[in-house]
C-alpha atoms as a PDB file:
ATOM      1  CA  MET A   1     -50.899  47.640  -0.226  1.00  0.00           C
ATOM      2  CA  GLU A   2     -47.735  48.008   1.807  1.00  0.00           C
ATOM      3  CA  LYS A   3     -47.714  44.365   2.888  1.00  0.00           C
ATOM      4  CA  GLU A   4     -48.219  43.171  -0.669  1.00  0.00           C
ATOM      5  CA  GLY A   5     -45.211  45.210  -1.772  1.00  0.00           C
ATOM      6  CA  LYS A   6     -42.969  43.377   0.663  1.00  0.00           C
ATOM      7  CA  ARG A   7     -43.898  39.886  -0.430  1.00  0.00           C
ATOM      8  CA  PRO A   8     -41.837  39.833  -3.651  1.00  0.00           C
ATOM      9  CA  VAL A   9     -38.739  40.907  -1.690  1.00  0.00           C
ATOM     10  CA  LYS A  10     -39.172  38.058   0.803  1.00  0.00           C
ATOM     11  CA  THR A  11     -39.872  35.610  -2.005  1.00  0.00           C
ATOM     12  CA  GLU A  12     -36.775  36.739  -3.936  1.00  0.00           C
ATOM     13  CA  ALA A  13     -34.596  36.452  -0.816  1.00  0.00           C
ATOM     14  CA  TRP A  14     -35.896  32.959  -0.154  1.00  0.00           C
ATOM     15  CA  THR A  15     -35.294  31.958  -3.791  1.00  0.00           C
ATOM     16  CA  LEU A  16     -31.723  33.254  -3.697  1.00  0.00           C
ATOM     17  CA  ALA A  17     -31.060  31.397  -0.446  1.00  0.00           C
ATOM     18  CA  VAL A  18     -32.343  28.128  -1.957  1.00  0.00           C
ATOM     19  CA  ARG A  19     -30.261  28.637  -5.107  1.00  0.00           C
ATOM     20  CA  HIS A  20     -27.137  29.228  -3.054  1.00  0.00           C
ATOM     21  CA  GLN A  21     -27.819  26.178  -0.939  1.00  0.00           C
ATOM     22  CA  LEU A  22     -28.118  24.102  -4.113  1.00  0.00           C
ATOM     23  CA  ASP A  23     -24.824  25.587  -5.358  1.00  0.00           C
ATOM     24  CA  LEU A  24     -23.156  24.364  -2.192  1.00  0.00           C
ATOM     25  CA  GLY A  25     -24.232  20.827  -3.073  1.00  0.00           C
ATOM     26  CA  ARG A  26     -24.046  17.929  -0.669  1.00  0.00           C
ATOM     27  CA  LEU A  27     -22.341  18.226   2.711  1.00  0.00           C
ATOM     28  CA  LEU A  28     -19.669  15.536   2.444  1.00  0.00           C
ATOM     29  CA  PRO A  29     -18.022  13.774   5.416  1.00  0.00           C
ATOM     30  CA  LEU A  30     -14.351  14.657   5.748  1.00  0.00           C
ATOM     31  CA  GLY A  31     -12.090  12.125   7.413  1.00  0.00           C
ATOM     32  CA  GLY A  32     -13.603   9.404   9.609  1.00  0.00           C
ATOM     33  CA  PRO A  33     -16.546   9.239  12.016  1.00  0.00           C
ATOM     34  CA  GLU A  34     -14.485  10.582  14.886  1.00  0.00           C
ATOM     35  CA  ASP A  35     -13.356  13.712  12.969  1.00  0.00           C
ATOM     36  CA  GLY A  36     -16.686  15.517  13.191  1.00  0.00           C
ATOM     37  CA  THR A  37     -15.959  17.439   9.998  1.00  0.00           C
ATOM     38  CA  TRP A  38     -17.856  18.010   6.741  1.00  0.00           C
ATOM     39  CA  ILE A  39     -17.094  19.935   3.547  1.00  0.00           C
ATOM     40  CA  THR A  40     -19.468  21.364   0.965  1.00  0.00           C
ATOM     41  CA  GLU A  41     -19.482  19.564  -2.371  1.00  0.00           C
ATOM     42  CA  GLN A  42     -18.847  22.942  -4.046  1.00  0.00           C
ATOM     43  CA  ALA A  43     -15.574  23.399  -2.138  1.00  0.00           C
ATOM     44  CA  ALA A  44     -14.496  19.822  -2.844  1.00  0.00           C
ATOM     45  CA  VAL A  45     -15.338  20.076  -6.535  1.00  0.00           C
ATOM     46  CA  GLN A  46     -13.264  23.242  -6.823  1.00  0.00           C
ATOM     47  CA  ALA A  47     -10.206  21.483  -5.415  1.00  0.00           C
ATOM     48  CA  LEU A  48     -10.611  18.389  -7.594  1.00  0.00           C
ATOM     49  CA  GLY A  49     -11.292  20.493 -10.682  1.00  0.00           C
ATOM     50  CA  LEU A  50      -8.026  22.358 -10.183  1.00  0.00           C
ATOM     51  CA  ALA A  51      -6.158  19.046  -9.980  1.00  0.00           C
ATOM     52  CA  ALA A  52      -7.838  17.716 -13.125  1.00  0.00           C
ATOM     53  CA  ASN A  53      -6.950  20.881 -15.034  1.00  0.00           C
ATOM     54  CA  GLU A  54      -3.287  19.827 -14.843  1.00  0.00           C
ATOM     55  CA  ILE A  55      -3.899  16.817 -17.129  1.00  0.00           C
ATOM     56  CA  PRO A  56      -3.118  17.581 -20.789  1.00  0.00           C
ATOM     57  CA  GLY A  57      -6.080  17.292 -23.118  1.00  0.00           C
ATOM     58  CA  VAL A  58      -8.739  16.860 -20.428  1.00  0.00           C
ATOM     59  CA  ARG A  59     -11.721  19.154 -20.274  1.00  0.00           C
ATOM     60  CA  LEU A  60     -14.086  18.421 -17.411  1.00  0.00           C
ATOM     61  CA  LYS A  61     -17.749  19.002 -18.202  1.00  0.00           C
ATOM     62  CA  SER A  62     -19.289  17.966 -14.874  1.00  0.00           C
ATOM     63  CA  LEU A  63     -18.038  16.720 -11.544  1.00  0.00           C
ATOM     64  CA  ARG A  64     -20.136  15.407  -8.645  1.00  0.00           C
ATOM     65  CA  ILE A  65     -19.270  13.749  -5.356  1.00  0.00           C
ATOM     66  CA  GLY A  66     -21.717  11.607  -3.399  1.00  0.00           C
ATOM     67  CA  PRO A  67     -22.130   8.443  -1.338  1.00  0.00           C
ATOM     68  CA  ALA A  68     -20.763   5.229  -2.836  1.00  0.00           C
ATOM     69  CA  PRO A  69     -23.624   2.741  -3.400  1.00  0.00           C
ATOM     70  CA  LEU A  70     -23.723  -0.366  -1.222  1.00  0.00           C
ATOM     71  CA  GLU A  71     -20.887   0.889   1.002  1.00  0.00           C
ATOM     72  CA  PRO A  72     -21.436   0.933   4.778  1.00  0.00           C
ATOM     73  CA  VAL A  73     -21.801   4.203   6.637  1.00  0.00           C
ATOM     74  CA  SER A  74     -20.950   5.033  10.240  1.00  0.00           C
ATOM     75  CA  GLU A  75     -22.561   7.011  13.011  1.00  0.00           C
ATOM     76  CA  PRO A  76     -20.630  10.306  13.453  1.00  0.00           C
ATOM     77  CA  ALA A  77     -19.071  10.964  16.832  1.00  0.00           C
ATOM     78  CA  VAL A  78     -20.812  14.340  16.988  1.00  0.00           C
ATOM     79  CA  ARG A  79     -24.092  15.728  15.724  1.00  0.00           C
ATOM     80  CA  PRO A  80     -23.688  16.589  12.016  1.00  0.00           C
ATOM     81  CA  PRO A  81     -24.843  19.788  10.288  1.00  0.00           C
ATOM     82  CA  ALA A  82     -28.363  19.656   8.964  1.00  0.00           C
ATOM     83  CA  SER A  83     -28.750  17.376   5.890  1.00  0.00           C
ATOM     84  CA  ALA A  84     -25.082  16.302   6.021  1.00  0.00           C
ATOM     85  CA  LEU A  85     -24.148  12.858   4.718  1.00  0.00           C
ATOM     86  CA  PRO A  86     -23.057  10.293   7.318  1.00  0.00           C
ATOM     87  CA  PRO A  87     -19.387   9.256   7.369  1.00  0.00           C
ATOM     88  CA  GLY A  88     -18.705   6.651   4.715  1.00  0.00           C
ATOM     89  CA  PRO A  89     -16.993   6.008   1.374  1.00  0.00           C
ATOM     90  CA  LEU A  90     -17.722   8.426  -1.444  1.00  0.00           C
ATOM     91  CA  ARG A  91     -17.939   8.138  -5.226  1.00  0.00           C
ATOM     92  CA  ILE A  92     -16.716  10.683  -7.738  1.00  0.00           C
ATOM     93  CA  GLU A  93     -18.625  11.052 -10.993  1.00  0.00           C
ATOM     94  CA  ALA A  94     -17.050  13.029 -13.819  1.00  0.00           C
ATOM     95  CA  THR A  95     -17.887  13.733 -17.452  1.00  0.00           C
ATOM     96  CA  PHE A  96     -15.069  14.974 -19.663  1.00  0.00           C
ATOM     97  CA  THR A  97     -13.809  15.403 -23.186  1.00  0.00           C
ATOM     98  CA  ALA A  98     -10.383  14.074 -24.203  1.00  0.00           C
ATOM     99  CA  SER A  99      -7.753  14.903 -26.796  1.00  0.00           C
ATOM    100  CA  LEU A 100      -7.454  12.806 -29.949  1.00  0.00           C
ATOM    101  CA  GLY A 101      -3.679  13.012 -29.602  1.00  0.00           C
ATOM    102  CA  GLN A 102      -3.566  10.737 -26.565  1.00  0.00           C
ATOM    103  CA  PRO A 103      -4.826   7.167 -26.063  1.00  0.00           C
ATOM    104  CA  LEU A 104      -8.196   7.380 -24.361  1.00  0.00           C
ATOM    105  CA  PRO A 105      -7.556   4.562 -21.829  1.00  0.00           C
ATOM    106  CA  GLU A 106      -4.379   6.310 -20.665  1.00  0.00           C
ATOM    107  CA  THR A 107      -6.186   9.640 -20.292  1.00  0.00           C
ATOM    108  CA  ALA A 108      -9.002   8.059 -18.345  1.00  0.00           C
ATOM    109  CA  ALA A 109      -6.617   6.216 -16.060  1.00  0.00           C
ATOM    110  CA  GLN A 110      -4.657   9.389 -15.382  1.00  0.00           C
ATOM    111  CA  LEU A 111      -7.812  11.344 -14.653  1.00  0.00           C
ATOM    112  CA  ARG A 112      -9.172   8.677 -12.305  1.00  0.00           C
ATOM    113  CA  SER A 113      -5.870   8.489 -10.420  1.00  0.00           C
ATOM    114  CA  THR A 114      -5.613  12.272 -10.179  1.00  0.00           C
ATOM    115  CA  LEU A 115      -9.165  12.705  -8.823  1.00  0.00           C
ATOM    116  CA  LEU A 116      -8.835   9.931  -6.243  1.00  0.00           C
ATOM    117  CA  SER A 117      -5.419  11.137  -5.088  1.00  0.00           C
ATOM    118  CA  ALA A 118      -6.516  14.768  -4.838  1.00  0.00           C
ATOM    119  CA  ALA A 119      -9.598  13.791  -2.861  1.00  0.00           C
ATOM    120  CA  ALA A 120      -7.591  11.814  -0.350  1.00  0.00           C
ATOM    121  CA  GLU A 121      -4.391  13.844  -0.126  1.00  0.00           C
ATOM    122  CA  ARG A 122      -5.506  17.428  -0.676  1.00  0.00           C
ATOM    123  CA  LEU A 123      -8.803  17.210   1.207  1.00  0.00           C
ATOM    124  CA  GLY A 124      -9.084  14.058   3.313  1.00  0.00           C
ATOM    125  CA  LEU A 125     -12.136  12.603   1.598  1.00  0.00           C
ATOM    126  CA  VAL A 126     -12.610   8.849   1.774  1.00  0.00           C
ATOM    127  CA  THR A 127     -13.273   7.953  -1.863  1.00  0.00           C
ATOM    128  CA  VAL A 128     -13.420   4.400  -3.227  1.00  0.00           C
ATOM    129  CA  THR A 129     -14.211   4.900  -6.870  1.00  0.00           C
ATOM    130  CA  ALA A 130     -14.294   7.440  -9.676  1.00  0.00           C
ATOM    131  CA  ASP A 131     -16.824   6.762 -12.443  1.00  0.00           C
ATOM    132  CA  LEU A 132     -15.839   8.521 -15.681  1.00  0.00           C
ATOM    133  CA  ARG A 133     -17.799   9.196 -18.865  1.00  0.00           C
ATOM    134  CA  VAL A 134     -16.284  10.555 -22.085  1.00  0.00           C
ATOM    135  CA  SER A 135     -18.705  12.897 -23.791  1.00  0.00           C
ATOM    136  CA  ASP A 136     -16.566  13.941 -26.801  1.00  0.00           C
ATOM    137  CA  LEU A 137     -13.085  13.984 -28.336  1.00  0.00           C
ATOM    138  CA  HIS A 138     -11.283  17.115 -29.473  1.00  0.00           C
ATOM    139  CA  ASP A 139      -8.048  18.144 -31.217  1.00  0.00           C
ATOM    140  CA  GLY A 140      -5.076  19.467 -29.305  1.00  0.00           C
ATOM    141  CA  PRO A 141      -3.434  18.735 -25.965  1.00  0.00           C
ATOM    142  CA  GLU A 142      -4.587  21.978 -24.305  1.00  0.00           C
ATOM    143  CA  THR A 143      -4.008  22.316 -20.585  1.00  0.00           C
ATOM    144  CA  GLY A 144      -5.481  24.615 -17.984  1.00  0.00           C
ATOM    145  CA  VAL A 145      -9.047  24.510 -19.401  1.00  0.00           C
ATOM    146  CA  LYS A 146     -11.282  24.924 -16.397  1.00  0.00           C
ATOM    147  CA  SER A 147     -14.122  22.489 -15.850  1.00  0.00           C
ATOM    148  CA  GLN A 148     -17.570  24.080 -15.793  1.00  0.00           C
ATOM    149  CA  ALA A 149     -18.115  22.815 -12.254  1.00  0.00           C
ATOM    150  CA  ALA A 150     -14.785  24.111 -10.955  1.00  0.00           C
ATOM    151  CA  ALA A 151     -15.239  27.422 -12.741  1.00  0.00           C
ATOM    152  CA  ARG A 152     -18.648  27.858 -11.092  1.00  0.00           C
ATOM    153  CA  ALA A 153     -17.168  27.128  -7.673  1.00  0.00           C
ATOM    154  CA  MET A 154     -14.259  29.511  -8.151  1.00  0.00           C
ATOM    155  CA  ARG A 155     -16.504  32.249  -9.522  1.00  0.00           C
ATOM    156  CA  SER A 156     -18.964  32.030  -6.676  1.00  0.00           C
ATOM    157  CA  ALA A 157     -16.355  31.776  -3.890  1.00  0.00           C
ATOM    158  CA  PRO A 158     -15.592  35.499  -3.557  1.00  0.00           C
ATOM    159  CA  GLU A 159     -19.061  36.673  -4.478  1.00  0.00           C
ATOM    160  CA  GLY A 160     -21.384  34.171  -2.848  1.00  0.00           C
ATOM    161  CA  ALA A 161     -23.549  34.726   0.204  1.00  0.00           C
ATOM    162  CA  ALA A 162     -21.067  32.893   2.413  1.00  0.00           C
ATOM    163  CA  ALA A 163     -18.209  35.197   1.587  1.00  0.00           C
ATOM    164  CA  GLN A 164     -20.350  38.336   1.806  1.00  0.00           C
ATOM    165  CA  SER A 165     -21.510  37.553   5.317  1.00  0.00           C
ATOM    166  CA  SER A 166     -18.190  36.206   6.628  1.00  0.00           C
ATOM    167  CA  PRO A 167     -16.268  38.143   9.273  1.00  0.00           C
ATOM    168  CA  PRO A 168     -12.533  38.303   8.575  1.00  0.00           C
ATOM    169  CA  ALA A 169     -10.061  36.218  10.538  1.00  0.00           C
ATOM    170  CA  THR A 170      -8.964  39.349  12.415  1.00  0.00           C
ATOM    171  CA  GLY A 171     -12.403  40.021  13.857  1.00  0.00           C
ATOM    172  CA  THR A 172     -15.791  38.570  14.653  1.00  0.00           C
ATOM    173  CA  GLY A 173     -18.165  40.921  12.876  1.00  0.00           C
ATOM    174  CA  SER A 174     -21.403  41.472  14.810  1.00  0.00           C
ATOM    175  CA  MET A 175     -20.976  38.392  17.016  1.00  0.00           C
ATOM    176  CA  TRP A 176     -20.741  39.116  20.745  1.00  0.00           C
ATOM    177  CA  GLY A 177     -20.861  37.387  24.099  1.00  0.00           C
ATOM    178  CA  PRO A 178     -19.867  33.698  24.376  1.00  0.00           C
ATOM    179  CA  VAL A 179     -20.386  33.157  20.663  1.00  0.00           C
ATOM    180  CA  GLY A 180     -18.095  36.087  19.862  1.00  0.00           C
ATOM    181  CA  GLU A 181     -15.429  34.655  22.162  1.00  0.00           C
ATOM    182  CA  LEU A 182     -15.623  31.297  20.413  1.00  0.00           C
ATOM    183  CA  ALA A 183     -15.358  33.073  17.060  1.00  0.00           C
ATOM    184  CA  LYS A 184     -12.083  34.688  18.223  1.00  0.00           C
ATOM    185  CA  VAL A 185     -10.786  31.285  19.297  1.00  0.00           C
ATOM    186  CA  ALA A 186     -11.714  29.653  15.947  1.00  0.00           C
ATOM    187  CA  THR A 187     -10.260  32.418  13.769  1.00  0.00           C
ATOM    188  CA  ALA A 188      -7.038  32.437  15.834  1.00  0.00           C
ATOM    189  CA  VAL A 189      -6.243  28.891  14.614  1.00  0.00           C
ATOM    190  CA  PRO A 190      -3.560  29.099  11.890  1.00  0.00           C
ATOM    191  CA  GLY A 191      -5.041  28.206   8.523  1.00  0.00           C
ATOM    192  CA  VAL A 192      -8.528  29.609   9.166  1.00  0.00           C
ATOM    193  CA  ALA A 193      -9.187  32.285   6.563  1.00  0.00           C
ATOM    194  CA  ARG A 194     -12.475  33.427   8.121  1.00  0.00           C
ATOM    195  CA  LEU A 195     -15.747  32.169   9.476  1.00  0.00           C
ATOM    196  CA  THR A 196     -18.530  31.765   6.923  1.00  0.00           C
ATOM    197  CA  ALA A 197     -22.324  31.711   7.040  1.00  0.00           C
ATOM    198  CA  VAL A 198     -24.472  29.616   4.695  1.00  0.00           C
ATOM    199  CA  PRO A 199     -28.103  30.621   4.147  1.00  0.00           C
ATOM    200  CA  GLY A 200     -30.294  29.798   7.141  1.00  0.00           C
ATOM    201  CA  SER A 201     -27.388  29.349   9.495  1.00  0.00           C
ATOM    202  CA  ARG A 202     -24.722  31.202  11.480  1.00  0.00           C
ATOM    203  CA  PRO A 203     -20.918  30.998  11.480  1.00  0.00           C
ATOM    204  CA  ILE A 204     -21.020  29.560  14.995  1.00  0.00           C
ATOM    205  CA  LYS A 205     -23.979  27.885  16.659  1.00  0.00           C
ATOM    206  CA  VAL A 206     -24.016  26.952  20.341  1.00  0.00           C
ATOM    207  CA  GLU A 207     -26.773  24.716  21.691  1.00  0.00           C
ATOM    208  CA  ASP A 208     -27.115  23.523  25.268  1.00  0.00           C
ATOM    209  CA  HIS A 209     -29.227  20.441  25.902  1.00  0.00           C
ATOM    210  CA  ASP A 210     -30.513  18.724  29.025  1.00  0.00           C
ATOM    211  CA  ASP A 211     -31.076  15.158  27.947  1.00  0.00           C
ATOM    212  CA  PRO A 212     -28.305  14.199  28.284  1.00  0.00           C
ATOM    213  CA  PRO A 213     -26.744  17.369  29.716  1.00  0.00           C
ATOM    214  CA  GLY A 214     -24.175  18.861  27.375  1.00  0.00           C
ATOM    215  CA  ARG A 215     -23.302  21.486  24.769  1.00  0.00           C
ATOM    216  CA  HIS A 216     -22.907  21.255  21.007  1.00  0.00           C
ATOM    217  CA  VAL A 217     -20.970  23.788  18.930  1.00  0.00           C
ATOM    218  CA  GLU A 218     -21.026  23.972  15.118  1.00  0.00           C
ATOM    219  CA  VAL A 219     -18.452  26.098  13.250  1.00  0.00           C
ATOM    220  CA  HIS A 220     -18.528  27.081   9.566  1.00  0.00           C
ATOM    221  CA  LEU A 221     -15.271  28.262   8.074  1.00  0.00           C
ATOM    222  CA  ALA A 222     -13.061  28.860   5.050  1.00  0.00           C
ATOM    223  CA  VAL A 223      -9.536  27.382   4.873  1.00  0.00           C
ATOM    224  CA  ALA A 224      -6.617  29.603   3.904  1.00  0.00           C
ATOM    225  CA  PRO A 225      -4.255  28.721   1.031  1.00  0.00           C
ATOM    226  CA  GLY A 226      -1.492  26.247   1.807  1.00  0.00           C
ATOM    227  CA  HIS A 227      -3.347  24.465   4.618  1.00  0.00           C
ATOM    228  CA  HIS A 228      -4.927  21.011   4.679  1.00  0.00           C
ATOM    229  CA  PRO A 229      -8.683  21.263   5.362  1.00  0.00           C
ATOM    230  CA  LEU A 230      -8.965  18.206   7.624  1.00  0.00           C
ATOM    231  CA  GLU A 231      -5.984  19.215   9.731  1.00  0.00           C
ATOM    232  CA  ILE A 232      -7.364  22.717  10.199  1.00  0.00           C
ATOM    233  CA  ALA A 233     -10.776  21.338  11.129  1.00  0.00           C
ATOM    234  CA  ARG A 234      -9.256  19.086  13.784  1.00  0.00           C
ATOM    235  CA  ALA A 235      -7.337  22.015  15.265  1.00  0.00           C
ATOM    236  CA  VAL A 236     -10.474  24.201  15.320  1.00  0.00           C
ATOM    237  CA  ARG A 237     -12.513  21.441  17.014  1.00  0.00           C
ATOM    238  CA  ASP A 238      -9.898  21.075  19.741  1.00  0.00           C
ATOM    239  CA  ALA A 239      -9.580  24.809  20.318  1.00  0.00           C
ATOM    240  CA  VAL A 240     -13.313  25.518  20.333  1.00  0.00           C
ATOM    241  CA  ALA A 241     -14.161  22.532  22.540  1.00  0.00           C
ATOM    242  CA  GLY A 242     -11.578  23.581  25.085  1.00  0.00           C
ATOM    243  CA  ALA A 243     -12.826  27.191  25.152  1.00  0.00           C
ATOM    244  CA  SER A 244     -16.564  26.373  25.373  1.00  0.00           C
ATOM    245  CA  THR A 245     -16.509  24.249  28.527  1.00  0.00           C
ATOM    246  CA  THR A 246     -17.126  27.269  30.785  1.00  0.00           C
ATOM    247  CA  GLY A 247     -20.781  27.287  31.800  1.00  0.00           C
ATOM    248  CA  ALA A 248     -21.536  24.164  29.768  1.00  0.00           C
ATOM    249  CA  PRO A 249     -24.156  21.887  31.389  1.00  0.00           C
ATOM    250  CA  GLY A 250     -22.121  18.819  30.475  1.00  0.00           C
ATOM    251  CA  PRO A 251     -19.647  17.459  27.869  1.00  0.00           C
ATOM    252  CA  VAL A 252     -18.953  19.605  24.821  1.00  0.00           C
ATOM    253  CA  THR A 253     -19.060  18.305  21.231  1.00  0.00           C
ATOM    254  CA  THR A 254     -17.912  20.271  18.216  1.00  0.00           C
ATOM    255  CA  ALA A 255     -18.669  19.903  14.475  1.00  0.00           C
ATOM    256  CA  VAL A 256     -16.935  21.798  11.656  1.00  0.00           C
ATOM    257  CA  LEU A 257     -18.287  22.559   8.180  1.00  0.00           C
ATOM    258  CA  ILE A 258     -15.751  23.759   5.596  1.00  0.00           C
ATOM    259  CA  THR A 259     -17.441  25.887   2.943  1.00  0.00           C
ATOM    260  CA  GLU A 260     -14.377  27.191   1.065  1.00  0.00           C
ATOM    261  CA  THR A 261     -10.855  25.962   0.544  1.00  0.00           C
ATOM    262  CA  ALA A 262      -7.917  27.276  -1.433  1.00  0.00           C
ATOM    263  CA  THR A 263      -6.166  23.882  -1.459  1.00  0.00           C
END
């Protein structure tokens, strides 16, 4: 009887973990193959949604980011996080409603330009196209209307599993030993808000391998306001790689996954 009572708890925890993983969306390559950095689709959508909200009369209904069809992909310089997309061009897909008070072609052109510019300049995503679909027209040139996708991302950021299990930038939570030392190095990089943990993973993973000899480190983190995600990831990779050579059986590689950004 006691064992049966525990099953629903385990099932519920597993279901919540799966739902949160789906909320994170795809793991998108950030920068080029040599950058060894990825960002969750949720974090990227939040940033692009905020940029789109600045366009008068536009109300985003959905926003997705994924691989661009028929575009070549590259082998990453380091081992990627599990299920991450390979480095390559991305496509933005957005559905929106537009104001009757503004010519639709102009609105669509402005939205496309804004999304592509924000992806490249605010985040460092390599995007080649933005496919837009108008779902409806409405009266009024309202601004600041949050997209459903961006609102979901912003609502879940402070309350999601990643934030709840994330040690602050001033400490390393329950991490100790070599992993704890690497956590201190990573959080000491200016622009790192904190380390984060997605379901089924840890903020920092260290794996030594023998064939060929070497060490791989994976870091999950949130970027603080006013900092460029790709630049912060590059700085973290350099700092962590330099600090993790002690005791390593061979060369050290480092991958970074950005799960939250205030850009």
